[in-house]
Amino acid sequence: MSLRLLILLPLMALLAACATSEPRRTGAAPKKAVVALQDATKRNDVVMYAFGLISVDYRFGGANPESGLDCSGMVSYIYRHSLGLKLPHNAAQIARLGKEIDSTELRPGDLVFFNTMDRPYSHVGIYIGDDRFIHAPRTNGKIEIASLKNRYFAQRFEAARTFFN
């Protein structure tokens, strides 16, 4: 177990970005990709993977921690490794695949979406509880924890989605 993970485990116990474009519509409605999991352990796996990536460099188009990640690359990487679910590397496409939930229903491991570039669903993060989420924010930034109550994100919050039952 890496030292980073050992340091983050107690933090997790306390808690219990990216420029993508709107995908072209092909006429066929996308299928929902809801994971048939009710086990809270899987939600915790998603959150633990996210914590393990804190301080990884942001890189536009990045798809792995070694070279850097953007917001949708981070979400796709985490869901693939923690759940075995392959998601597209595009925030808007991920939003279309998830099941819509009200922000009051957010649970750790769910996804939060923002309009940060005057485009719907242009940024995504992983909800970790207590009105906080982990995201890859911007060029020259690092994966970090942010608050949904932060004025910037509160004004740009667009939707919440889940891939869990």
C-alpha atoms as a PDB file:
ATOM      1  CA  MET A   1       0.000   0.000   0.000  1.00  0.00           C
ATOM      2  CA  SER A   2       1.501   3.353  -0.970  1.00  0.00           C
ATOM      3  CA  LEU A   3       2.378   5.942   1.625  1.00  0.00           C
ATOM      4  CA  ARG A   4      -0.085   8.370   0.009  1.00  0.00           C
ATOM      5  CA  LEU A   5      -2.911   5.889   0.430  1.00  0.00           C
ATOM      6  CA  LEU A   6      -1.939   5.202   4.052  1.00  0.00           C
ATOM      7  CA  ILE A   7      -2.062   8.921   4.759  1.00  0.00           C
ATOM      8  CA  LEU A   8      -5.396   9.350   2.997  1.00  0.00           C
ATOM      9  CA  LEU A   9      -7.201   6.428   4.676  1.00  0.00           C
ATOM     10  CA  PRO A  10      -7.792   8.284   7.970  1.00  0.00           C
ATOM     11  CA  LEU A  11      -8.938  11.332   6.016  1.00  0.00           C
ATOM     12  CA  MET A  12     -11.441   9.159   4.164  1.00  0.00           C
ATOM     13  CA  ALA A  13     -12.821   7.880   7.429  1.00  0.00           C
ATOM     14  CA  LEU A  14     -13.609  11.474   8.384  1.00  0.00           C
ATOM     15  CA  LEU A  15     -15.386  12.244   5.167  1.00  0.00           C
ATOM     16  CA  ALA A  16     -17.403   8.774   5.124  1.00  0.00           C
ATOM     17  CA  ALA A  17     -11.719  19.711 -15.049  1.00  0.00           C
ATOM     18  CA  CYS A  18     -11.527  19.990 -18.135  1.00  0.00           C
ATOM     19  CA  ALA A  19     -12.417  21.337 -21.420  1.00  0.00           C
ATOM     20  CA  THR A  20     -14.749  19.005 -23.177  1.00  0.00           C
ATOM     21  CA  SER A  21     -17.079  19.803 -25.972  1.00  0.00           C
ATOM     22  CA  GLU A  22     -20.703  18.842 -26.324  1.00  0.00           C
ATOM     23  CA  PRO A  23     -20.801  15.534 -28.191  1.00  0.00           C
ATOM     24  CA  ARG A  24     -22.361  15.387 -31.615  1.00  0.00           C
ATOM     25  CA  ARG A  25     -25.813  13.889 -31.553  1.00  0.00           C
ATOM     26  CA  THR A  26     -26.280  10.891 -33.791  1.00  0.00           C
ATOM     27  CA  GLY A  27     -30.033  10.552 -33.433  1.00  0.00           C
ATOM     28  CA  ALA A  28     -29.901   7.443 -31.257  1.00  0.00           C
ATOM     29  CA  ALA A  29     -30.389   8.078 -27.571  1.00  0.00           C
ATOM     30  CA  PRO A  30     -27.366   6.952 -25.515  1.00  0.00           C
ATOM     31  CA  LYS A  31     -27.872   3.980 -23.261  1.00  0.00           C
ATOM     32  CA  LYS A  32     -27.623   4.603 -19.544  1.00  0.00           C
ATOM     33  CA  ALA A  33     -24.689   2.860 -17.935  1.00  0.00           C
ATOM     34  CA  VAL A  34     -25.883   2.563 -14.347  1.00  0.00           C
ATOM     35  CA  VAL A  35     -23.803   0.107 -12.368  1.00  0.00           C
ATOM     36  CA  ALA A  36     -25.985  -2.487 -10.686  1.00  0.00           C
ATOM     37  CA  LEU A  37     -24.267  -2.086  -7.343  1.00  0.00           C
ATOM     38  CA  GLN A  38     -25.823  -1.329  -4.018  1.00  0.00           C
ATOM     39  CA  ASP A  39     -22.721  -2.096  -1.984  1.00  0.00           C
ATOM     40  CA  ALA A  40     -21.339   0.982  -0.223  1.00  0.00           C
ATOM     41  CA  THR A  41     -17.895  -0.597  -0.560  1.00  0.00           C
ATOM     42  CA  LYS A  42     -17.892   0.190  -4.285  1.00  0.00           C
ATOM     43  CA  ARG A  43     -18.701   3.838  -3.599  1.00  0.00           C
ATOM     44  CA  ASN A  44     -15.833   3.929  -1.123  1.00  0.00           C
ATOM     45  CA  ASP A  45     -13.530   2.363  -3.725  1.00  0.00           C
ATOM     46  CA  VAL A  46     -14.327   5.234  -6.103  1.00  0.00           C
ATOM     47  CA  VAL A  47     -13.626   7.812  -3.398  1.00  0.00           C
ATOM     48  CA  MET A  48     -10.402   6.091  -2.316  1.00  0.00           C
ATOM     49  CA  TYR A  49      -9.098   6.076  -5.889  1.00  0.00           C
ATOM     50  CA  ALA A  50      -9.940   9.774  -6.106  1.00  0.00           C
ATOM     51  CA  PHE A  51      -8.079  10.532  -2.863  1.00  0.00           C
ATOM     52  CA  GLY A  52      -5.106   8.613  -4.201  1.00  0.00           C
ATOM     53  CA  LEU A  53      -4.888  11.039  -7.130  1.00  0.00           C
ATOM     54  CA  ILE A  54      -4.837  14.262  -5.114  1.00  0.00           C
ATOM     55  CA  SER A  55      -1.889  16.422  -6.226  1.00  0.00           C
ATOM     56  CA  VAL A  56      -1.529  14.643  -9.575  1.00  0.00           C
ATOM     57  CA  ASP A  57      -0.846  17.208 -12.297  1.00  0.00           C
ATOM     58  CA  TYR A  58      -3.595  18.468 -14.567  1.00  0.00           C
ATOM     59  CA  ARG A  59      -3.034  17.833 -18.262  1.00  0.00           C
ATOM     60  CA  PHE A  60      -5.583  18.647 -20.935  1.00  0.00           C
ATOM     61  CA  GLY A  61      -6.544  15.354 -22.585  1.00  0.00           C
ATOM     62  CA  GLY A  62      -4.631  13.423 -19.937  1.00  0.00           C
ATOM     63  CA  ALA A  63      -5.797   9.881 -19.318  1.00  0.00           C
ATOM     64  CA  ASN A  64      -3.375   8.492 -16.715  1.00  0.00           C
ATOM     65  CA  PRO A  65      -1.766   9.752 -13.515  1.00  0.00           C
ATOM     66  CA  GLU A  66       1.781   9.333 -14.816  1.00  0.00           C
ATOM     67  CA  SER A  67       1.337  11.964 -17.528  1.00  0.00           C
ATOM     68  CA  GLY A  68      -1.472  13.962 -15.866  1.00  0.00           C
ATOM     69  CA  LEU A  69      -5.264  13.985 -15.981  1.00  0.00           C
ATOM     70  CA  ASP A  70      -7.998  16.376 -16.962  1.00  0.00           C
ATOM     71  CA  CYS A  71     -11.387  16.216 -15.239  1.00  0.00           C
ATOM     72  CA  SER A  72     -13.074  13.666 -17.491  1.00  0.00           C
ATOM     73  CA  GLY A  73      -9.846  11.686 -17.779  1.00  0.00           C
ATOM     74  CA  MET A  74      -9.708  11.521 -13.983  1.00  0.00           C
ATOM     75  CA  VAL A  75     -13.318  10.325 -13.684  1.00  0.00           C
ATOM     76  CA  SER A  76     -12.881   7.797 -16.477  1.00  0.00           C
ATOM     77  CA  TYR A  77      -9.640   6.487 -14.957  1.00  0.00           C
ATOM     78  CA  ILE A  78     -11.148   6.145 -11.476  1.00  0.00           C
ATOM     79  CA  TYR A  79     -14.360   4.442 -12.597  1.00  0.00           C
ATOM     80  CA  ARG A  80     -12.443   2.025 -14.836  1.00  0.00           C
ATOM     81  CA  HIS A  81     -10.030   1.013 -12.064  1.00  0.00           C
ATOM     82  CA  SER A  82     -12.448   0.966  -9.130  1.00  0.00           C
ATOM     83  CA  LEU A  83     -15.615  -0.348 -10.801  1.00  0.00           C
ATOM     84  CA  GLY A  84     -14.457  -1.843 -14.080  1.00  0.00           C
ATOM     85  CA  LEU A  85     -16.765   0.614 -15.871  1.00  0.00           C
ATOM     86  CA  LYS A  86     -15.391   2.182 -19.035  1.00  0.00           C
ATOM     87  CA  LEU A  87     -16.618   5.756 -19.446  1.00  0.00           C
ATOM     88  CA  PRO A  88     -15.875   8.152 -22.295  1.00  0.00           C
ATOM     89  CA  HIS A  89     -13.183  10.807 -21.903  1.00  0.00           C
ATOM     90  CA  ASN A  90     -15.718  13.613 -22.241  1.00  0.00           C
ATOM     91  CA  ALA A  91     -17.659  15.226 -19.394  1.00  0.00           C
ATOM     92  CA  ALA A  92     -20.811  15.865 -21.435  1.00  0.00           C
ATOM     93  CA  GLN A  93     -20.921  12.268 -22.663  1.00  0.00           C
ATOM     94  CA  ILE A  94     -20.394  10.955 -19.134  1.00  0.00           C
ATOM     95  CA  ALA A  95     -23.302  13.144 -17.959  1.00  0.00           C
ATOM     96  CA  ARG A  96     -25.573  11.681 -20.637  1.00  0.00           C
ATOM     97  CA  LEU A  97     -24.752   8.128 -19.514  1.00  0.00           C
ATOM     98  CA  GLY A  98     -25.339   8.614 -15.790  1.00  0.00           C
ATOM     99  CA  LYS A  99     -28.652   8.521 -13.989  1.00  0.00           C
ATOM    100  CA  GLU A 100     -29.860  11.998 -13.053  1.00  0.00           C
ATOM    101  CA  ILE A 101     -30.208  12.627  -9.327  1.00  0.00           C
ATOM    102  CA  ASP A 102     -31.076  15.681  -7.287  1.00  0.00           C
ATOM    103  CA  SER A 103     -28.148  17.384  -5.586  1.00  0.00           C
ATOM    104  CA  THR A 104     -29.768  16.567  -2.229  1.00  0.00           C
ATOM    105  CA  GLU A 105     -29.370  12.856  -3.080  1.00  0.00           C
ATOM    106  CA  LEU A 106     -25.604  13.015  -3.665  1.00  0.00           C
ATOM    107  CA  ARG A 107     -23.601  10.238  -2.060  1.00  0.00           C
ATOM    108  CA  PRO A 108     -19.852   9.606  -2.164  1.00  0.00           C
ATOM    109  CA  GLY A 109     -18.806   8.293  -5.562  1.00  0.00           C
ATOM    110  CA  ASP A 110     -21.506  10.167  -7.500  1.00  0.00           C
ATOM    111  CA  LEU A 111     -20.547  12.770 -10.087  1.00  0.00           C
ATOM    112  CA  VAL A 112     -21.088  16.526 -10.079  1.00  0.00           C
ATOM    113  CA  PHE A 113     -21.144  18.579 -13.285  1.00  0.00           C
ATOM    114  CA  PHE A 114     -20.527  22.248 -13.926  1.00  0.00           C
ATOM    115  CA  ASN A 115     -20.736  24.755 -16.764  1.00  0.00           C
ATOM    116  CA  THR A 116     -17.285  26.315 -16.514  1.00  0.00           C
ATOM    117  CA  MET A 117     -16.675  27.198 -20.156  1.00  0.00           C
ATOM    118  CA  ASP A 118     -20.062  28.528 -21.284  1.00  0.00           C
ATOM    119  CA  ARG A 119     -20.854  24.987 -22.420  1.00  0.00           C
ATOM    120  CA  PRO A 120     -23.159  22.531 -20.678  1.00  0.00           C
ATOM    121  CA  TYR A 121     -21.361  19.829 -18.711  1.00  0.00           C
ATOM    122  CA  SER A 122     -17.887  21.206 -19.396  1.00  0.00           C
ATOM    123  CA  HIS A 123     -16.445  20.117 -16.024  1.00  0.00           C
ATOM    124  CA  VAL A 124     -16.925  17.057 -13.800  1.00  0.00           C
ATOM    125  CA  GLY A 125     -15.815  15.965 -10.347  1.00  0.00           C
ATOM    126  CA  ILE A 126     -16.366  13.088  -7.926  1.00  0.00           C
ATOM    127  CA  TYR A 127     -18.498  13.840  -4.886  1.00  0.00           C
ATOM    128  CA  ILE A 128     -16.839  12.743  -1.611  1.00  0.00           C
ATOM    129  CA  GLY A 129     -19.397  13.908   0.956  1.00  0.00           C
ATOM    130  CA  ASP A 130     -19.875  16.968   3.150  1.00  0.00           C
ATOM    131  CA  ASP A 131     -20.576  19.160   0.077  1.00  0.00           C
ATOM    132  CA  ARG A 132     -17.073  18.490  -1.278  1.00  0.00           C
ATOM    133  CA  PHE A 133     -15.738  16.943  -4.459  1.00  0.00           C
ATOM    134  CA  ILE A 134     -12.422  15.991  -6.029  1.00  0.00           C
ATOM    135  CA  HIS A 135     -11.606  17.363  -9.471  1.00  0.00           C
ATOM    136  CA  ALA A 136      -8.823  18.227 -11.906  1.00  0.00           C
ATOM    137  CA  PRO A 137      -9.322  21.990 -12.088  1.00  0.00           C
ATOM    138  CA  ARG A 138      -7.160  23.678 -14.714  1.00  0.00           C
ATOM    139  CA  THR A 139      -3.925  23.926 -16.647  1.00  0.00           C
ATOM    140  CA  ASN A 140      -0.935  24.239 -14.287  1.00  0.00           C
ATOM    141  CA  GLY A 141      -3.149  22.937 -11.469  1.00  0.00           C
ATOM    142  CA  LYS A 142      -3.308  19.676  -9.576  1.00  0.00           C
ATOM    143  CA  ILE A 143      -6.152  17.357  -8.637  1.00  0.00           C
ATOM    144  CA  GLU A 144      -7.701  18.810  -5.494  1.00  0.00           C
ATOM    145  CA  ILE A 145     -10.698  18.912  -3.184  1.00  0.00           C
ATOM    146  CA  ALA A 146     -13.195  21.746  -3.651  1.00  0.00           C
ATOM    147  CA  SER A 147     -16.495  22.730  -2.065  1.00  0.00           C
ATOM    148  CA  LEU A 148     -19.863  22.820  -3.793  1.00  0.00           C
ATOM    149  CA  LYS A 149     -20.533  25.859  -1.596  1.00  0.00           C
ATOM    150  CA  ASN A 150     -17.591  27.725  -3.120  1.00  0.00           C
ATOM    151  CA  ARG A 151     -19.143  30.679  -4.937  1.00  0.00           C
ATOM    152  CA  TYR A 152     -17.467  29.825  -8.250  1.00  0.00           C
ATOM    153  CA  PHE A 153     -18.782  26.254  -8.290  1.00  0.00           C
ATOM    154  CA  ALA A 154     -22.156  27.046  -6.707  1.00  0.00           C
ATOM    155  CA  GLN A 155     -22.897  29.503  -9.537  1.00  0.00           C
ATOM    156  CA  ARG A 156     -21.838  26.999 -12.188  1.00  0.00           C
ATOM    157  CA  PHE A 157     -23.310  23.792 -10.759  1.00  0.00           C
ATOM    158  CA  GLU A 158     -25.315  22.075 -13.435  1.00  0.00           C
ATOM    159  CA  ALA A 159     -26.267  18.532 -12.424  1.00  0.00           C
ATOM    160  CA  ALA A 160     -25.558  15.433 -10.387  1.00  0.00           C
ATOM    161  CA  ARG A 161     -25.388  11.940 -11.824  1.00  0.00           C
ATOM    162  CA  THR A 162     -24.926   8.477 -10.394  1.00  0.00           C
ATOM    163  CA  PHE A 163     -23.830   5.162 -11.824  1.00  0.00           C
ATOM    164  CA  PHE A 164     -25.115   3.272  -8.776  1.00  0.00           C
ATOM    165  CA  ASN A 165     -28.589   1.916  -7.981  1.00  0.00           C
END
